PDB file of N, CA and C in Angstrom:
ATOM      1  N   MET A   1       9.512  -0.291   8.750  1.00  0.00           N
ATOM      2  CA  MET A   1       8.791  -0.334   7.256  1.00  0.00           C
ATOM      3  C   MET A   1       8.058   0.927   6.718  1.00  0.00           C
ATOM      4  N   ASP A   2       8.414   1.584   5.848  1.00  0.00           N
ATOM      5  CA  ASP A   2       7.805   2.946   5.396  1.00  0.00           C
ATOM      6  C   ASP A   2       6.375   2.696   4.898  1.00  0.00           C
ATOM      7  N   ARG A   3       5.414   3.402   5.257  1.00  0.00           N
ATOM      8  CA  ARG A   3       4.123   3.288   4.896  1.00  0.00           C
ATOM      9  C   ARG A   3       3.747   4.390   4.009  1.00  0.00           C
ATOM     10  N   GLY A   4       2.841   4.316   3.383  1.00  0.00           N
ATOM     11  CA  GLY A   4       2.410   5.408   2.166  1.00  0.00           C
ATOM     12  C   GLY A   4       0.999   5.925   3.250  1.00  0.00           C
ATOM     13  N   ALA A   5       0.827   7.352   2.626  1.00  0.00           N
ATOM     14  CA  ALA A   5      -0.573   7.813   3.360  1.00  0.00           C
ATOM     15  C   ALA A   5      -1.658   7.270   3.255  1.00  0.00           C
ATOM     16  N   GLY A   6      -1.874   6.164   2.135  1.00  0.00           N
ATOM     17  CA  GLY A   6      -3.116   5.497   2.188  1.00  0.00           C
ATOM     18  C   GLY A   6      -3.114   4.533   3.263  1.00  0.00           C
ATOM     19  N   ASP A   7      -1.908   3.900   3.657  1.00  0.00           N
ATOM     20  CA  ASP A   7      -1.852   2.993   4.891  1.00  0.00           C
ATOM     21  C   ASP A   7      -2.061   3.479   6.023  1.00  0.00           C
ATOM     22  N   HIS A   8      -1.566   4.655   6.236  1.00  0.00           N
ATOM     23  CA  HIS A   8      -1.775   5.542   7.421  1.00  0.00           C
ATOM     24  C   HIS A   8      -3.269   5.946   7.688  1.00  0.00           C
ATOM     25  N   SER A   9      -3.812   6.272   6.631  1.00  0.00           N
ATOM     26  CA  SER A   9      -5.303   6.518   6.896  1.00  0.00           C
ATOM     27  C   SER A   9      -6.072   5.353   7.076  1.00  0.00           C
ATOM     28  N   ARG A  10      -5.666   4.356   6.469  1.00  0.00           N
ATOM     29  CA  ARG A  10      -6.775   2.894   6.890  1.00  0.00           C
ATOM     30  C   ARG A  10      -6.390   2.576   8.111  1.00  0.00           C
ATOM     31  N   ILE A  11      -5.101   2.581   8.640  1.00  0.00           N
ATOM     32  CA  ILE A  11      -4.682   2.222   9.758  1.00  0.00           C
ATOM     33  C   ILE A  11      -5.421   3.007  10.938  1.00  0.00           C
ATOM     34  N   ILE A  12      -5.498   4.429  10.758  1.00  0.00           N
ATOM     35  CA  ILE A  12      -6.016   5.192  11.631  1.00  0.00           C
ATOM     36  C   ILE A  12      -7.638   4.921  11.654  1.00  0.00           C
ATOM     37  N   GLU A  13      -8.106   4.785  10.323  1.00  0.00           N
ATOM     38  CA  GLU A  13      -9.736   4.313  10.213  1.00  0.00           C
ATOM     39  C   GLU A  13      -9.990   3.177  11.111  1.00  0.00           C
ATOM     40  N   MET A  14      -9.269   1.991  10.926  1.00  0.00           N
ATOM     41  CA  MET A  14      -9.186   0.901  11.578  1.00  0.00           C
ATOM     42  C   MET A  14      -9.369   1.085  13.323  1.00  0.00           C
ATOM     43  N   ALA A  15      -8.431   1.807  13.710  1.00  0.00           N
ATOM     44  CA  ALA A  15      -7.844   2.151  15.072  1.00  0.00           C
ATOM     45  C   ALA A  15      -9.377   2.824  15.762  1.00  0.00           C
ATOM     46  N   TRP A  16      -9.956   3.728  15.016  1.00  0.00           N
ATOM     47  CA  TRP A  16     -11.112   4.325  15.419  1.00  0.00           C
ATOM     48  C   TRP A  16     -12.136   3.498  15.503  1.00  0.00           C
ATOM     49  N   GLU A  17     -12.330   2.292  14.643  1.00  0.00           N
ATOM     50  CA  GLU A  17     -13.545   1.512  14.474  1.00  0.00           C
ATOM     51  C   GLU A  17     -13.490   0.694  15.760  1.00  0.00           C
ATOM     52  N   ASP A  18     -14.605   0.627  16.503  1.00  0.00           N
ATOM     53  CA  ASP A  18     -14.982   0.075  17.639  1.00  0.00           C
ATOM     54  C   ASP A  18     -14.758  -1.470  17.734  1.00  0.00           C
ATOM     55  N   ARG A  19     -15.229  -2.092  16.423  1.00  0.00           N
ATOM     56  CA  ARG A  19     -15.204  -3.723  16.267  1.00  0.00           C
ATOM     57  C   ARG A  19     -13.826  -3.985  15.740  1.00  0.00           C
ATOM     58  N   THR A  20     -13.063  -3.263  15.328  1.00  0.00           N
ATOM     59  CA  THR A  20     -11.526  -3.845  14.808  1.00  0.00           C
ATOM     60  C   THR A  20     -10.542  -3.964  16.089  1.00  0.00           C
ATOM     61  N   PRO A  21     -10.370  -5.118  16.326  1.00  0.00           N
ATOM     62  CA  PRO A  21      -9.236  -5.272  17.293  1.00  0.00           C
ATOM     63  C   PRO A  21      -7.699  -4.861  16.761  1.00  0.00           C
ATOM     64  N   PHE A  22      -7.008  -4.380  17.753  1.00  0.00           N
ATOM     65  CA  PHE A  22      -5.510  -4.183  17.413  1.00  0.00           C
ATOM     66  C   PHE A  22      -4.912  -5.457  16.625  1.00  0.00           C
ATOM     67  N   GLU A  23      -5.482  -6.723  17.087  1.00  0.00           N
ATOM     68  CA  GLU A  23      -4.789  -7.720  16.407  1.00  0.00           C
ATOM     69  C   GLU A  23      -4.894  -7.784  14.880  1.00  0.00           C
ATOM     70  N   ALA A  24      -6.119  -7.332  14.462  1.00  0.00           N
ATOM     71  CA  ALA A  24      -6.421  -7.121  13.067  1.00  0.00           C
ATOM     72  C   ALA A  24      -5.500  -6.247  12.251  1.00  0.00           C
ATOM     73  N   ILE A  25      -5.157  -5.076  13.136  1.00  0.00           N
ATOM     74  CA  ILE A  25      -4.210  -3.958  12.528  1.00  0.00           C
ATOM     75  C   ILE A  25      -2.761  -4.805  12.287  1.00  0.00           C
ATOM     76  N   GLU A  26      -2.423  -5.549  13.600  1.00  0.00           N
ATOM     77  CA  GLU A  26      -1.248  -6.173  13.290  1.00  0.00           C
ATOM     78  C   GLU A  26      -0.975  -7.364  12.400  1.00  0.00           C
ATOM     79  N   ARG A  27      -2.210  -8.219  12.090  1.00  0.00           N
ATOM     80  CA  ARG A  27      -1.940  -8.900  11.115  1.00  0.00           C
ATOM     81  C   ARG A  27      -1.855  -8.418   9.624  1.00  0.00           C
ATOM     82  N   LEU A  28      -2.585  -7.293   9.320  1.00  0.00           N
ATOM     83  CA  LEU A  28      -2.660  -6.670   7.919  1.00  0.00           C
ATOM     84  C   LEU A  28      -1.531  -5.604   7.816  1.00  0.00           C
ATOM     85  N   TYR A  29      -1.022  -4.999   8.860  1.00  0.00           N
ATOM     86  CA  TYR A  29       0.044  -3.946   8.667  1.00  0.00           C
ATOM     87  C   TYR A  29       1.451  -4.006   9.506  1.00  0.00           C
ATOM     88  N   GLY A  30       1.225  -4.987  10.210  1.00  0.00           N
ATOM     89  CA  GLY A  30       2.500  -5.619  11.020  1.00  0.00           C
ATOM     90  C   GLY A  30       2.585  -4.463  12.336  1.00  0.00           C
ATOM     91  N   LEU A  31       1.822  -3.766  12.594  1.00  0.00           N
ATOM     92  CA  LEU A  31       1.898  -2.930  13.733  1.00  0.00           C
ATOM     93  C   LEU A  31       1.134  -3.260  14.951  1.00  0.00           C
ATOM     94  N   ASN A  32       1.776  -3.521  16.038  1.00  0.00           N
ATOM     95  CA  ASN A  32       1.337  -4.061  17.350  1.00  0.00           C
ATOM     96  C   ASN A  32       0.601  -2.696  18.014  1.00  0.00           C
ATOM     97  N   GLU A  33       0.067  -3.038  19.158  1.00  0.00           N
ATOM     98  CA  GLU A  33      -0.980  -1.899  19.879  1.00  0.00           C
ATOM     99  C   GLU A  33      -0.087  -0.582  20.022  1.00  0.00           C
ATOM    100  N   GLN A  34       1.045  -0.880  20.565  1.00  0.00           N
ATOM    101  CA  GLN A  34       1.934   0.045  20.974  1.00  0.00           C
ATOM    102  C   GLN A  34       2.410   0.835  19.671  1.00  0.00           C
ATOM    103  N   ALA A  35       2.575   0.431  18.491  1.00  0.00           N
ATOM    104  CA  ALA A  35       3.027   1.321  17.210  1.00  0.00           C
ATOM    105  C   ALA A  35       1.838   1.954  16.848  1.00  0.00           C
ATOM    106  N   VAL A  36       0.612   1.409  17.010  1.00  0.00           N
ATOM    107  CA  VAL A  36      -0.758   1.978  16.573  1.00  0.00           C
ATOM    108  C   VAL A  36      -0.648   3.220  17.314  1.00  0.00           C
ATOM    109  N   ILE A  37      -0.606   3.161  18.728  1.00  0.00           N
ATOM    110  CA  ILE A  37      -0.580   4.182  19.546  1.00  0.00           C
ATOM    111  C   ILE A  37       0.175   5.371  19.137  1.00  0.00           C
ATOM    112  N   LYS A  38       1.616   4.723  18.777  1.00  0.00           N
ATOM    113  CA  LYS A  38       2.486   6.050  18.292  1.00  0.00           C
ATOM    114  C   LYS A  38       1.981   6.504  17.126  1.00  0.00           C
ATOM    115  N   LEU A  39       1.536   5.703  16.251  1.00  0.00           N
ATOM    116  CA  LEU A  39       1.179   6.400  14.828  1.00  0.00           C
ATOM    117  C   LEU A  39      -0.102   7.330  15.168  1.00  0.00           C
ATOM    118  N   MET A  40      -0.964   6.964  15.921  1.00  0.00           N
ATOM    119  CA  MET A  40      -2.133   7.714  16.213  1.00  0.00           C
ATOM    120  C   MET A  40      -1.750   9.381  16.719  1.00  0.00           C
ATOM    121  N   ARG A  41      -0.823   8.922  17.674  1.00  0.00           N
ATOM    122  CA  ARG A  41      -0.232  10.358  18.467  1.00  0.00           C
ATOM    123  C   ARG A  41       0.324  11.229  17.499  1.00  0.00           C
ATOM    124  N   ARG A  42       1.140  10.638  16.625  1.00  0.00           N
ATOM    125  CA  ARG A  42       1.817  11.606  15.457  1.00  0.00           C
ATOM    126  C   ARG A  42       0.967  12.080  14.546  1.00  0.00           C
ATOM    127  N   GLU A  43       0.060  11.221  14.057  1.00  0.00           N
ATOM    128  CA  GLU A  43      -0.877  11.744  12.991  1.00  0.00           C
ATOM    129  C   GLU A  43      -2.122  12.495  13.425  1.00  0.00           C
ATOM    130  N   LEU A  44      -2.635  12.307  14.599  1.00  0.00           N
ATOM    131  CA  LEU A  44      -3.776  13.098  14.888  1.00  0.00           C
ATOM    132  C   LEU A  44      -3.463  14.451  15.630  1.00  0.00           C
ATOM    133  N   LYS A  45      -4.436  15.293  15.580  1.00  0.00           N
ATOM    134  CA  LYS A  45      -4.264  16.500  16.580  1.00  0.00           C
ATOM    135  C   LYS A  45      -4.258  16.017  17.957  1.00  0.00           C
ATOM    136  N   ALA A  46      -3.795  16.747  18.893  1.00  0.00           N
ATOM    137  CA  ALA A  46      -3.731  16.219  20.196  1.00  0.00           C
ATOM    138  C   ALA A  46      -5.208  15.830  20.874  1.00  0.00           C
ATOM    139  N   GLY A  47      -6.211  16.954  20.647  1.00  0.00           N
ATOM    140  CA  GLY A  47      -7.465  16.502  21.145  1.00  0.00           C
ATOM    141  C   GLY A  47      -8.071  15.449  20.529  1.00  0.00           C
ATOM    142  N   SER A  48      -7.871  14.893  19.304  1.00  0.00           N
ATOM    143  CA  SER A  48      -8.216  13.956  18.873  1.00  0.00           C
ATOM    144  C   SER A  48      -7.398  12.584  19.176  1.00  0.00           C
ATOM    145  N   PHE A  49      -6.443  12.675  19.495  1.00  0.00           N
ATOM    146  CA  PHE A  49      -5.472  11.665  20.290  1.00  0.00           C
ATOM    147  C   PHE A  49      -6.347  11.146  21.609  1.00  0.00           C
ATOM    148  N   ARG A  50      -6.257  12.224  22.454  1.00  0.00           N
ATOM    149  CA  ARG A  50      -6.861  12.157  23.708  1.00  0.00           C
ATOM    150  C   ARG A  50      -8.125  11.509  23.778  1.00  0.00           C
ATOM    151  N   LEU A  51      -9.090  11.923  22.770  1.00  0.00           N
ATOM    152  CA  LEU A  51     -10.426  11.261  22.771  1.00  0.00           C
ATOM    153  C   LEU A  51     -10.158   9.931  22.289  1.00  0.00           C
ATOM    154  N   TRP A  52      -9.484   9.707  21.191  1.00  0.00           N
ATOM    155  CA  TRP A  52      -9.400   8.174  20.700  1.00  0.00           C
ATOM    156  C   TRP A  52      -8.904   7.233  21.960  1.00  0.00           C
ATOM    157  N   ARG A  53      -7.826   7.832  22.667  1.00  0.00           N
ATOM    158  CA  ARG A  53      -7.233   6.929  23.828  1.00  0.00           C
ATOM    159  C   ARG A  53      -8.294   6.781  24.785  1.00  0.00           C
ATOM    160  N   ALA A  54      -9.182   7.811  25.161  1.00  0.00           N
ATOM    161  CA  ALA A  54     -10.143   7.668  25.996  1.00  0.00           C
ATOM    162  C   ALA A  54     -11.233   6.515  25.899  1.00  0.00           C
ATOM    163  N   ARG A  55     -11.552   6.433  24.477  1.00  0.00           N
ATOM    164  CA  ARG A  55     -12.379   5.756  23.800  1.00  0.00           C
ATOM    165  C   ARG A  55     -11.990   4.315  23.816  1.00  0.00           C
ATOM    166  N   VAL A  56     -10.553   3.973  23.239  1.00  0.00           N
ATOM    167  CA  VAL A  56     -10.323   2.593  23.210  1.00  0.00           C
ATOM    168  C   VAL A  56      -9.715   1.852  24.613  1.00  0.00           C
ATOM    169  N   SER A  57      -9.374   2.707  25.614  1.00  0.00           N
ATOM    170  CA  SER A  57      -8.618   2.177  26.634  1.00  0.00           C
ATOM    171  C   SER A  57      -9.748   1.322  27.528  1.00  0.00           C
ATOM    172  N   GLY A  58      -9.288   0.068  27.589  1.00  0.00           N
ATOM    173  CA  GLY A  58      -9.931  -0.861  28.359  1.00  0.00           C
ATOM    174  C   GLY A  58     -11.194  -1.514  27.475  1.00  0.00           C
ATOM    175  N   ARG A  59     -11.531  -1.164  26.356  1.00  0.00           N
ATOM    176  CA  ARG A  59     -12.510  -1.725  25.461  1.00  0.00           C
ATOM    177  C   ARG A  59     -12.342  -2.884  24.952  1.00  0.00           C
ATOM    178  N   LYS A  60     -13.167  -3.706  25.347  1.00  0.00           N
ATOM    179  CA  LYS A  60     -12.956  -5.243  24.923  1.00  0.00           C
ATOM    180  C   LYS A  60     -12.946  -5.327  23.501  1.00  0.00           C
ATOM    181  N   SER A  61     -13.753  -4.699  22.863  1.00  0.00           N
ATOM    182  CA  SER A  61     -13.867  -4.968  21.341  1.00  0.00           C
ATOM    183  C   SER A  61     -12.519  -4.765  20.657  1.00  0.00           C
ATOM    184  N   LYS A  62     -11.503  -3.973  21.237  1.00  0.00           N
ATOM    185  CA  LYS A  62     -10.484  -3.670  20.597  1.00  0.00           C
ATOM    186  C   LYS A  62      -9.213  -4.761  21.252  1.00  0.00           C
ATOM    187  N   HIS A  63      -9.467  -5.630  21.825  1.00  0.00           N
ATOM    188  CA  HIS A  63      -8.653  -6.714  22.059  1.00  0.00           C
ATOM    189  C   HIS A  63      -9.149  -8.191  22.087  1.00  0.00           C
ATOM    190  N   GLN A  64      -8.625  -8.934  20.793  1.00  0.00           N
ATOM    191  CA  GLN A  64      -9.218  -9.957  20.534  1.00  0.00           C
ATOM    192  C   GLN A  64      -9.274 -11.017  21.821  1.00  0.00           C
ATOM    193  N   ALA A  65      -8.226 -11.031  22.620  1.00  0.00           N
ATOM    194  CA  ALA A  65      -8.583 -12.100  23.692  1.00  0.00           C
ATOM    195  C   ALA A  65      -9.450 -11.732  24.614  1.00  0.00           C
ATOM    196  N   LEU A  66     -10.042 -10.452  24.766  1.00  0.00           N
ATOM    197  CA  LEU A  66     -10.983 -10.038  25.492  1.00  0.00           C
ATOM    198  C   LEU A  66     -12.690 -10.220  24.936  1.00  0.00           C
ATOM    199  N   ARG A  67     -12.501 -10.330  23.753  1.00  0.00           N
ATOM    200  CA  ARG A  67     -14.026 -10.323  22.840  1.00  0.00           C
ATOM    201  C   ARG A  67     -14.535 -11.604  23.090  1.00  0.00           C
ATOM    202  N   ASP A  68     -15.915 -11.679  22.920  1.00  0.00           N
ATOM    203  CA  ASP A  68     -16.795 -12.882  23.034  1.00  0.00           C
ATOM    204  C   ASP A  68     -16.126 -13.801  21.936  1.00  0.00           C
ATOM    205  N   PRO A  69     -15.857 -14.902  22.300  1.00  0.00           N
ATOM    206  CA  PRO A  69     -15.363 -15.835  21.239  1.00  0.00           C
ATOM    207  C   PRO A  69     -16.461 -16.153  20.153  1.00  0.00           C
ATOM    208  N   ARG A  70     -17.543 -15.790  20.000  1.00  0.00           N
ATOM    209  CA  ARG A  70     -18.517 -15.938  19.264  1.00  0.00           C
ATOM    210  C   ARG A  70     -18.512 -14.890  17.926  1.00  0.00           C
ATOM    211  N   ILE A  71     -17.664 -13.767  18.257  1.00  0.00           N
ATOM    212  CA  ILE A  71     -17.423 -12.807  17.406  1.00  0.00           C
ATOM    213  C   ILE A  71     -16.349 -13.273  16.343  1.00  0.00           C
ATOM    214  N   GLU A  72     -16.445 -13.406  15.319  1.00  0.00           N
ATOM    215  CA  GLU A  72     -15.471 -13.911  14.225  1.00  0.00           C
ATOM    216  C   GLU A  72     -15.035 -12.784  13.186  1.00  0.00           C
ATOM    217  N   ARG A  73     -15.506 -11.648  13.003  1.00  0.00           N
ATOM    218  CA  ARG A  73     -15.178 -10.846  12.281  1.00  0.00           C
ATOM    219  C   ARG A  73     -14.774  -9.535  12.844  1.00  0.00           C
ATOM    220  N   GLY A  74     -14.070  -8.609  12.262  1.00  0.00           N
ATOM    221  CA  GLY A  74     -13.499  -7.602  12.903  1.00  0.00           C
ATOM    222  C   GLY A  74     -14.384  -6.332  12.737  1.00  0.00           C
ATOM    223  N   TYR A  75     -15.477  -6.451  12.099  1.00  0.00           N
ATOM    224  CA  TYR A  75     -16.014  -5.167  11.813  1.00  0.00           C
ATOM    225  C   TYR A  75     -17.616  -5.688  11.624  1.00  0.00           C
ATOM    226  N   CYS A  76     -18.578  -4.760  11.502  1.00  0.00           N
ATOM    227  CA  CYS A  76     -19.959  -5.133  11.531  1.00  0.00           C
ATOM    228  C   CYS A  76     -20.326  -5.155  10.103  1.00  0.00           C
ATOM    229  N   LYS A  77     -21.079  -6.341   9.703  1.00  0.00           N
ATOM    230  CA  LYS A  77     -21.360  -6.577   8.303  1.00  0.00           C
ATOM    231  C   LYS A  77     -22.172  -5.428   7.407  1.00  0.00           C
ATOM    232  N   THR A  78     -22.541  -4.558   8.412  1.00  0.00           N
ATOM    233  CA  THR A  78     -23.320  -3.565   7.966  1.00  0.00           C
ATOM    234  C   THR A  78     -22.523  -2.149   7.734  1.00  0.00           C
ATOM    235  N   GLN A  79     -21.235  -2.256   8.102  1.00  0.00           N
ATOM    236  CA  GLN A  79     -20.499  -1.000   8.442  1.00  0.00           C
ATOM    237  C   GLN A  79     -20.313  -0.660   6.999  1.00  0.00           C
ATOM    238  N   TYR A  80     -19.754  -1.119   6.125  1.00  0.00           N
ATOM    239  CA  TYR A  80     -19.675  -0.797   4.586  1.00  0.00           C
ATOM    240  C   TYR A  80     -20.757  -0.685   3.804  1.00  0.00           C
ATOM    241  N   LYS A  81     -21.313   0.267   3.451  1.00  0.00           N
ATOM    242  CA  LYS A  81     -22.544   0.477   2.737  1.00  0.00           C
ATOM    243  C   LYS A  81     -22.149   0.572   1.089  1.00  0.00           C
ATOM    244  N   HIS A  82     -22.932  -0.541   0.495  1.00  0.00           N
ATOM    245  CA  HIS A  82     -22.293  -0.349  -1.080  1.00  0.00           C
ATOM    246  C   HIS A  82     -23.591   0.345  -1.954  1.00  0.00           C
ATOM    247  N   ARG A  83     -23.436   1.085  -2.832  1.00  0.00           N
ATOM    248  CA  ARG A  83     -24.394   1.912  -3.541  1.00  0.00           C
ATOM    249  C   ARG A  83     -24.725   1.052  -4.682  1.00  0.00           C
TER     250      ARG A  83
END
């Protein structure tokens, strides 16, 4: 499926967010974890990609099955500030 630059930008933003699990990206955009990794490798600079991989590897919040079941949302309610 061909995605626009806006979709790529949002997927990258969601992938960087600590509280957004890969499953949420898959539900919204149809990309599983491996596809997100490929997109990130292609779209980010090499150093940024390495930082991101180190950051999300093994992080419980990035995998729905590893998260505390009491967490029902993919982002912090104060994450998006409205003016």
